[in-house]
Amino acid sequence: MRNIDIIRAWKDPEYRLSLSEAEKALLPDHPAGIIELTDDEMGAVAGGLMAQTMTVNNKICCCDSVDICWTASSLCT
């Protein structure tokens, strides 16, 4: 398989789906790693948490979406 075809298969989902099983078997792993996550892996992702800063007891704290506040040295609560 030519390099241009490999790169197209990595980038273009429609092209990738058009490949035969034999052609898909020839594709090397994507250099960025896994491009699809399992449900368990998605459940561990924290990218959706809302974070904010606030001052508590004259300390600047960060709070996540469940309002657990912390500083670099100790809990702010």
PDB file of N, CA and C in Angstrom:
ATOM      1  N   MET A   1       0.854  -1.175   0.000  1.00  0.00           N
ATOM      2  CA  MET A   1       0.000   0.000   0.000  1.00  0.00           C
ATOM      3  C   MET A   1       0.899   1.237   0.000  1.00  0.00           C
ATOM      4  N   ARG A   2       0.555   2.203  -0.851  1.00  0.00           N
ATOM      5  CA  ARG A   2       1.356   3.429  -0.951  1.00  0.00           C
ATOM      6  C   ARG A   2       1.148   4.310   0.283  1.00  0.00           C
ATOM      7  N   ASN A   3       2.159   5.097   0.603  1.00  0.00           N
ATOM      8  CA  ASN A   3       2.074   5.993   1.762  1.00  0.00           C
ATOM      9  C   ASN A   3       0.867   6.918   1.678  1.00  0.00           C
ATOM     10  N   ILE A   4       0.591   7.440   0.493  1.00  0.00           N
ATOM     11  CA  ILE A   4      -0.538   8.367   0.344  1.00  0.00           C
ATOM     12  C   ILE A   4      -1.859   7.675   0.663  1.00  0.00           C
ATOM     13  N   ASP A   5      -1.963   6.384   0.322  1.00  0.00           N
ATOM     14  CA  ASP A   5      -3.180   5.625   0.624  1.00  0.00           C
ATOM     15  C   ASP A   5      -3.298   5.340   2.116  1.00  0.00           C
ATOM     16  N   ILE A   6      -2.165   5.084   2.758  1.00  0.00           N
ATOM     17  CA  ILE A   6      -2.161   4.838   4.206  1.00  0.00           C
ATOM     18  C   ILE A   6      -2.622   6.098   4.941  1.00  0.00           C
ATOM     19  N   ILE A   7      -2.063   7.236   4.559  1.00  0.00           N
ATOM     20  CA  ILE A   7      -2.423   8.500   5.208  1.00  0.00           C
ATOM     21  C   ILE A   7      -3.892   8.822   4.960  1.00  0.00           C
ATOM     22  N   ARG A   8      -4.360   8.578   3.745  1.00  0.00           N
ATOM     23  CA  ARG A   8      -5.778   8.832   3.445  1.00  0.00           C
ATOM     24  C   ARG A   8      -6.662   7.928   4.302  1.00  0.00           C
ATOM     25  N   ALA A   9      -6.264   6.673   4.468  1.00  0.00           N
ATOM     26  CA  ALA A   9      -7.052   5.748   5.292  1.00  0.00           C
ATOM     27  C   ALA A   9      -7.085   6.210   6.750  1.00  0.00           C
ATOM     28  N   TRP A  10      -5.993   6.779   7.243  1.00  0.00           N
ATOM     29  CA  TRP A  10      -5.965   7.303   8.613  1.00  0.00           C
ATOM     30  C   TRP A  10      -6.885   8.509   8.763  1.00  0.00           C
ATOM     31  N   LYS A  11      -6.920   9.385   7.745  1.00  0.00           N
ATOM     32  CA  LYS A  11      -7.632  10.659   7.856  1.00  0.00           C
ATOM     33  C   LYS A  11      -9.074  10.628   7.379  1.00  0.00           C
ATOM     34  N   ASP A  12      -9.408   9.732   6.460  1.00  0.00           N
ATOM     35  CA  ASP A  12     -10.714   9.754   5.794  1.00  0.00           C
ATOM     36  C   ASP A  12     -11.523   8.509   6.173  1.00  0.00           C
ATOM     37  N   PRO A  13     -12.471   8.654   7.106  1.00  0.00           N
ATOM     38  CA  PRO A  13     -13.243   7.495   7.553  1.00  0.00           C
ATOM     39  C   PRO A  13     -14.012   6.799   6.426  1.00  0.00           C
ATOM     40  N   GLU A  14     -14.525   7.573   5.466  1.00  0.00           N
ATOM     41  CA  GLU A  14     -15.253   6.960   4.352  1.00  0.00           C
ATOM     42  C   GLU A  14     -14.326   6.113   3.490  1.00  0.00           C
ATOM     43  N   TYR A  15     -13.135   6.629   3.219  1.00  0.00           N
ATOM     44  CA  TYR A  15     -12.159   5.863   2.438  1.00  0.00           C
ATOM     45  C   TYR A  15     -11.765   4.596   3.197  1.00  0.00           C
ATOM     46  N   ARG A  16     -11.532   4.739   4.503  1.00  0.00           N
ATOM     47  CA  ARG A  16     -11.145   3.590   5.323  1.00  0.00           C
ATOM     48  C   ARG A  16     -12.217   2.500   5.280  1.00  0.00           C
ATOM     49  N   LEU A  17     -13.474   2.900   5.336  1.00  0.00           N
ATOM     50  CA  LEU A  17     -14.577   1.932   5.277  1.00  0.00           C
ATOM     51  C   LEU A  17     -14.677   1.260   3.910  1.00  0.00           C
ATOM     52  N   SER A  18     -14.173   1.927   2.858  1.00  0.00           N
ATOM     53  CA  SER A  18     -14.244   1.356   1.511  1.00  0.00           C
ATOM     54  C   SER A  18     -13.169   0.292   1.268  1.00  0.00           C
ATOM     55  N   LEU A  19     -12.191   0.198   2.162  1.00  0.00           N
ATOM     56  CA  LEU A  19     -11.105  -0.773   1.981  1.00  0.00           C
ATOM     57  C   LEU A  19     -11.591  -2.185   2.282  1.00  0.00           C
ATOM     58  N   SER A  20     -11.000  -3.153   1.587  1.00  0.00           N
ATOM     59  CA  SER A  20     -11.303  -4.558   1.864  1.00  0.00           C
ATOM     60  C   SER A  20     -10.654  -4.950   3.188  1.00  0.00           C
ATOM     61  N   GLU A  21     -11.060  -6.080   3.726  1.00  0.00           N
ATOM     62  CA  GLU A  21     -10.457  -6.565   4.975  1.00  0.00           C
ATOM     63  C   GLU A  21      -8.957  -6.793   4.794  1.00  0.00           C
ATOM     64  N   ALA A  22      -8.552  -7.271   3.624  1.00  0.00           N
ATOM     65  CA  ALA A  22      -7.127  -7.500   3.349  1.00  0.00           C
ATOM     66  C   ALA A  22      -6.359  -6.181   3.341  1.00  0.00           C
ATOM     67  N   GLU A  23      -6.951  -5.147   2.739  1.00  0.00           N
ATOM     68  CA  GLU A  23      -6.298  -3.833   2.718  1.00  0.00           C
ATOM     69  C   GLU A  23      -6.222  -3.238   4.122  1.00  0.00           C
ATOM     70  N   LYS A  24      -7.292  -3.378   4.894  1.00  0.00           N
ATOM     71  CA  LYS A  24      -7.275  -2.873   6.272  1.00  0.00           C
ATOM     72  C   LYS A  24      -6.199  -3.566   7.100  1.00  0.00           C
ATOM     73  N   ALA A  25      -5.976  -4.848   6.843  1.00  0.00           N
ATOM     74  CA  ALA A  25      -4.948  -5.600   7.581  1.00  0.00           C
ATOM     75  C   ALA A  25      -3.550  -5.087   7.275  1.00  0.00           C
ATOM     76  N   LEU A  26      -3.366  -4.468   6.114  1.00  0.00           N
ATOM     77  CA  LEU A  26      -2.054  -3.933   5.733  1.00  0.00           C
ATOM     78  C   LEU A  26      -1.761  -2.573   6.357  1.00  0.00           C
ATOM     79  N   LEU A  27      -2.789  -1.911   6.874  1.00  0.00           N
ATOM     80  CA  LEU A  27      -2.583  -0.574   7.438  1.00  0.00           C
ATOM     81  C   LEU A  27      -1.764  -0.635   8.724  1.00  0.00           C
ATOM     82  N   PRO A  28      -0.701   0.152   8.812  1.00  0.00           N
ATOM     83  CA  PRO A  28       0.020   0.241  10.091  1.00  0.00           C
ATOM     84  C   PRO A  28      -0.816   1.033  11.091  1.00  0.00           C
ATOM     85  N   ASP A  29      -0.472   0.914  12.369  1.00  0.00           N
ATOM     86  CA  ASP A  29      -1.155   1.693  13.400  1.00  0.00           C
ATOM     87  C   ASP A  29      -0.959   3.176  13.132  1.00  0.00           C
ATOM     88  N   HIS A  30      -1.982   3.951  13.468  1.00  0.00           N
ATOM     89  CA  HIS A  30      -1.907   5.404  13.324  1.00  0.00           C
ATOM     90  C   HIS A  30      -0.820   5.923  14.266  1.00  0.00           C
ATOM     91  N   PRO A  31       0.049   6.835  13.816  1.00  0.00           N
ATOM     92  CA  PRO A  31       1.141   7.312  14.687  1.00  0.00           C
ATOM     93  C   PRO A  31       0.664   8.045  15.932  1.00  0.00           C
ATOM     94  N   ALA A  32      -0.562   8.570  15.924  1.00  0.00           N
ATOM     95  CA  ALA A  32      -1.089   9.262  17.104  1.00  0.00           C
ATOM     96  C   ALA A  32      -1.629   8.273  18.129  1.00  0.00           C
ATOM     97  N   GLY A  33      -1.698   7.007  17.786  1.00  0.00           N
ATOM     98  CA  GLY A  33      -2.194   6.001  18.715  1.00  0.00           C
ATOM     99  C   GLY A  33      -3.634   5.650  18.428  1.00  0.00           C
ATOM    100  N   ILE A  34      -4.301   5.113  19.435  1.00  0.00           N
ATOM    101  CA  ILE A  34      -5.684   4.683  19.303  1.00  0.00           C
ATOM    102  C   ILE A  34      -6.551   5.879  18.944  1.00  0.00           C
ATOM    103  N   ILE A  35      -7.416   5.697  17.960  1.00  0.00           N
ATOM    104  CA  ILE A  35      -8.274   6.812  17.563  1.00  0.00           C
ATOM    105  C   ILE A  35      -9.723   6.594  17.984  1.00  0.00           C
ATOM    106  N   GLU A  36     -10.017   5.443  18.556  1.00  0.00           N
ATOM    107  CA  GLU A  36     -11.347   5.167  19.073  1.00  0.00           C
ATOM    108  C   GLU A  36     -11.220   4.706  20.515  1.00  0.00           C
ATOM    109  N   LEU A  37     -12.080   5.179  21.384  1.00  0.00           N
ATOM    110  CA  LEU A  37     -12.051   4.823  22.795  1.00  0.00           C
ATOM    111  C   LEU A  37     -13.231   3.926  23.130  1.00  0.00           C
ATOM    112  N   THR A  38     -12.997   2.980  24.041  1.00  0.00           N
ATOM    113  CA  THR A  38     -14.086   2.135  24.519  1.00  0.00           C
ATOM    114  C   THR A  38     -14.971   2.946  25.457  1.00  0.00           C
ATOM    115  N   ASP A  39     -16.143   2.417  25.785  1.00  0.00           N
ATOM    116  CA  ASP A  39     -17.033   3.094  26.729  1.00  0.00           C
ATOM    117  C   ASP A  39     -16.359   3.277  28.086  1.00  0.00           C
ATOM    118  N   ASP A  40     -15.586   2.269  28.534  1.00  0.00           N
ATOM    119  CA  ASP A  40     -14.873   2.386  29.814  1.00  0.00           C
ATOM    120  C   ASP A  40     -13.841   3.505  29.766  1.00  0.00           C
ATOM    121  N   GLU A  41     -13.106   3.603  28.655  1.00  0.00           N
ATOM    122  CA  GLU A  41     -12.109   4.665  28.521  1.00  0.00           C
ATOM    123  C   GLU A  41     -12.782   6.036  28.481  1.00  0.00           C
ATOM    124  N   MET A  42     -13.900   6.134  27.789  1.00  0.00           N
ATOM    125  CA  MET A  42     -14.629   7.411  27.739  1.00  0.00           C
ATOM    126  C   MET A  42     -15.135   7.815  29.120  1.00  0.00           C
ATOM    127  N   GLY A  43     -15.515   6.827  29.944  1.00  0.00           N
ATOM    128  CA  GLY A  43     -15.996   7.124  31.285  1.00  0.00           C
ATOM    129  C   GLY A  43     -14.907   7.692  32.181  1.00  0.00           C
ATOM    130  N   ALA A  44     -13.642   7.407  31.840  1.00  0.00           N
ATOM    131  CA  ALA A  44     -12.528   7.891  32.652  1.00  0.00           C
ATOM    132  C   ALA A  44     -12.025   9.263  32.203  1.00  0.00           C
ATOM    133  N   VAL A  45     -12.535   9.771  31.099  1.00  0.00           N
ATOM    134  CA  VAL A  45     -12.102  11.068  30.580  1.00  0.00           C
ATOM    135  C   VAL A  45     -12.666  12.180  31.461  1.00  0.00           C
ATOM    136  N   ALA A  46     -11.832  13.143  31.809  1.00  0.00           N
ATOM    137  CA  ALA A  46     -12.269  14.229  32.677  1.00  0.00           C
ATOM    138  C   ALA A  46     -12.388  15.545  31.916  1.00  0.00           C
ATOM    139  N   GLY A  47     -12.367  15.512  30.618  1.00  0.00           N
ATOM    140  CA  GLY A  47     -12.393  16.735  29.829  1.00  0.00           C
ATOM    141  C   GLY A  47     -13.672  17.536  29.957  1.00  0.00           C
ATOM    142  N   GLY A  48     -14.745  16.915  30.428  1.00  0.00           N
ATOM    143  CA  GLY A  48     -16.003  17.621  30.529  1.00  0.00           C
ATOM    144  C   GLY A  48     -16.231  18.320  31.855  1.00  0.00           C
ATOM    145  N   LEU A  49     -15.278  18.227  32.769  1.00  0.00           N
ATOM    146  CA  LEU A  49     -15.452  18.873  34.069  1.00  0.00           C
ATOM    147  C   LEU A  49     -15.331  20.383  33.932  1.00  0.00           C
ATOM    148  N   MET A  50     -16.170  21.092  34.636  1.00  0.00           N
ATOM    149  CA  MET A  50     -16.104  22.543  34.670  1.00  0.00           C
ATOM    150  C   MET A  50     -15.192  22.936  35.833  1.00  0.00           C
ATOM    151  N   ALA A  51     -14.194  23.746  35.558  1.00  0.00           N
ATOM    152  CA  ALA A  51     -13.297  24.193  36.613  1.00  0.00           C
ATOM    153  C   ALA A  51     -13.378  25.707  36.730  1.00  0.00           C
ATOM    154  N   GLN A  52     -13.207  26.185  37.928  1.00  0.00           N
ATOM    155  CA  GLN A  52     -13.196  27.624  38.169  1.00  0.00           C
ATOM    156  C   GLN A  52     -12.247  27.909  39.321  1.00  0.00           C
ATOM    157  N   THR A  53     -11.839  29.149  39.443  1.00  0.00           N
ATOM    158  CA  THR A  53     -11.012  29.538  40.587  1.00  0.00           C
ATOM    159  C   THR A  53     -11.844  30.404  41.515  1.00  0.00           C
ATOM    160  N   MET A  54     -11.489  30.347  42.781  1.00  0.00           N
ATOM    161  CA  MET A  54     -12.158  31.184  43.775  1.00  0.00           C
ATOM    162  C   MET A  54     -11.200  31.381  44.945  1.00  0.00           C
ATOM    163  N   THR A  55     -11.467  32.354  45.770  1.00  0.00           N
ATOM    164  CA  THR A  55     -10.641  32.603  46.945  1.00  0.00           C
ATOM    165  C   THR A  55     -11.379  32.095  48.173  1.00  0.00           C
ATOM    166  N   VAL A  56     -10.700  31.242  48.941  1.00  0.00           N
ATOM    167  CA  VAL A  56     -11.256  30.696  50.177  1.00  0.00           C
ATOM    168  C   VAL A  56     -10.181  30.852  51.246  1.00  0.00           C
ATOM    169  N   ASN A  57     -10.510  31.481  52.357  1.00  0.00           N
ATOM    170  CA  ASN A  57      -9.542  31.704  53.441  1.00  0.00           C
ATOM    171  C   ASN A  57      -8.249  32.337  52.922  1.00  0.00           C
ATOM    172  N   ASN A  58      -8.401  33.350  52.038  1.00  0.00           N
ATOM    173  CA  ASN A  58      -7.271  34.061  51.447  1.00  0.00           C
ATOM    174  C   ASN A  58      -6.350  33.168  50.625  1.00  0.00           C
ATOM    175  N   LYS A  59      -6.871  32.053  50.112  1.00  0.00           N
ATOM    176  CA  LYS A  59      -6.119  31.170  49.228  1.00  0.00           C
ATOM    177  C   LYS A  59      -6.862  31.080  47.905  1.00  0.00           C
ATOM    178  N   ILE A  60      -6.098  31.080  46.795  1.00  0.00           N
ATOM    179  CA  ILE A  60      -6.730  30.890  45.494  1.00  0.00           C
ATOM    180  C   ILE A  60      -6.906  29.395  45.292  1.00  0.00           C
ATOM    181  N   CYS A  61      -8.143  28.991  45.051  1.00  0.00           N
ATOM    182  CA  CYS A  61      -8.478  27.580  44.920  1.00  0.00           C
ATOM    183  C   CYS A  61      -9.056  27.296  43.544  1.00  0.00           C
ATOM    184  N   CYS A  62      -8.979  26.058  43.139  1.00  0.00           N
ATOM    185  CA  CYS A  62      -9.661  25.580  41.944  1.00  0.00           C
ATOM    186  C   CYS A  62     -10.763  24.640  42.395  1.00  0.00           C
ATOM    187  N   CYS A  63     -11.930  24.745  41.783  1.00  0.00           N
ATOM    188  CA  CYS A  63     -13.049  23.883  42.126  1.00  0.00           C
ATOM    189  C   CYS A  63     -13.506  23.151  40.879  1.00  0.00           C
ATOM    190  N   ASP A  64     -13.712  21.846  41.017  1.00  0.00           N
ATOM    191  CA  ASP A  64     -14.243  21.103  39.881  1.00  0.00           C
ATOM    192  C   ASP A  64     -15.759  21.100  39.949  1.00  0.00           C
ATOM    193  N   SER A  65     -16.387  20.340  39.089  1.00  0.00           N
ATOM    194  CA  SER A  65     -17.847  20.407  38.984  1.00  0.00           C
ATOM    195  C   SER A  65     -18.570  19.883  40.206  1.00  0.00           C
ATOM    196  N   VAL A  66     -17.886  19.181  41.111  1.00  0.00           N
ATOM    197  CA  VAL A  66     -18.531  18.717  42.339  1.00  0.00           C
ATOM    198  C   VAL A  66     -18.104  19.567  43.527  1.00  0.00           C
ATOM    199  N   ASP A  67     -17.562  20.753  43.232  1.00  0.00           N
ATOM    200  CA  ASP A  67     -17.190  21.736  44.248  1.00  0.00           C
ATOM    201  C   ASP A  67     -16.190  21.237  45.276  1.00  0.00           C
ATOM    202  N   ILE A  68     -15.246  20.436  44.846  1.00  0.00           N
ATOM    203  CA  ILE A  68     -14.127  20.070  45.722  1.00  0.00           C
ATOM    204  C   ILE A  68     -13.014  21.065  45.410  1.00  0.00           C
ATOM    205  N   CYS A  69     -12.632  21.875  46.385  1.00  0.00           N
ATOM    206  CA  CYS A  69     -11.649  22.933  46.170  1.00  0.00           C
ATOM    207  C   CYS A  69     -10.281  22.505  46.689  1.00  0.00           C
ATOM    208  N   TRP A  70      -9.230  22.964  46.010  1.00  0.00           N
ATOM    209  CA  TRP A  70      -7.893  22.632  46.441  1.00  0.00           C
ATOM    210  C   TRP A  70      -6.919  23.727  46.053  1.00  0.00           C
ATOM    211  N   THR A  71      -5.769  23.774  46.714  1.00  0.00           N
ATOM    212  CA  THR A  71      -4.640  24.597  46.310  1.00  0.00           C
ATOM    213  C   THR A  71      -3.478  23.649  46.101  1.00  0.00           C
ATOM    214  N   ALA A  72      -2.354  24.194  45.746  1.00  0.00           N
ATOM    215  CA  ALA A  72      -1.184  23.350  45.530  1.00  0.00           C
ATOM    216  C   ALA A  72      -0.708  22.716  46.831  1.00  0.00           C
ATOM    217  N   SER A  73      -0.966  23.374  47.961  1.00  0.00           N
ATOM    218  CA  SER A  73      -0.429  22.853  49.225  1.00  0.00           C
ATOM    219  C   SER A  73      -1.444  22.134  50.093  1.00  0.00           C
ATOM    220  N   SER A  74      -2.709  22.562  50.068  1.00  0.00           N
ATOM    221  CA  SER A  74      -3.675  21.926  50.968  1.00  0.00           C
ATOM    222  C   SER A  74      -5.095  22.161  50.485  1.00  0.00           C
ATOM    223  N   LEU A  75      -6.022  21.442  51.037  1.00  0.00           N
ATOM    224  CA  LEU A  75      -7.439  21.637  50.692  1.00  0.00           C
ATOM    225  C   LEU A  75      -7.904  23.002  51.172  1.00  0.00           C
ATOM    226  N   CYS A  76      -8.783  23.617  50.408  1.00  0.00           N
ATOM    227  CA  CYS A  76      -9.286  24.950  50.749  1.00  0.00           C
ATOM    228  C   CYS A  76     -10.552  24.894  51.575  1.00  0.00           C
ATOM    229  N   THR A  77     -11.192  23.756  51.689  1.00  0.00           N
ATOM    230  CA  THR A  77     -12.498  23.705  52.344  1.00  0.00           C
ATOM    231  C   THR A  77     -12.395  23.783  53.843  1.00  0.00           C
TER     232      THR A  77
END
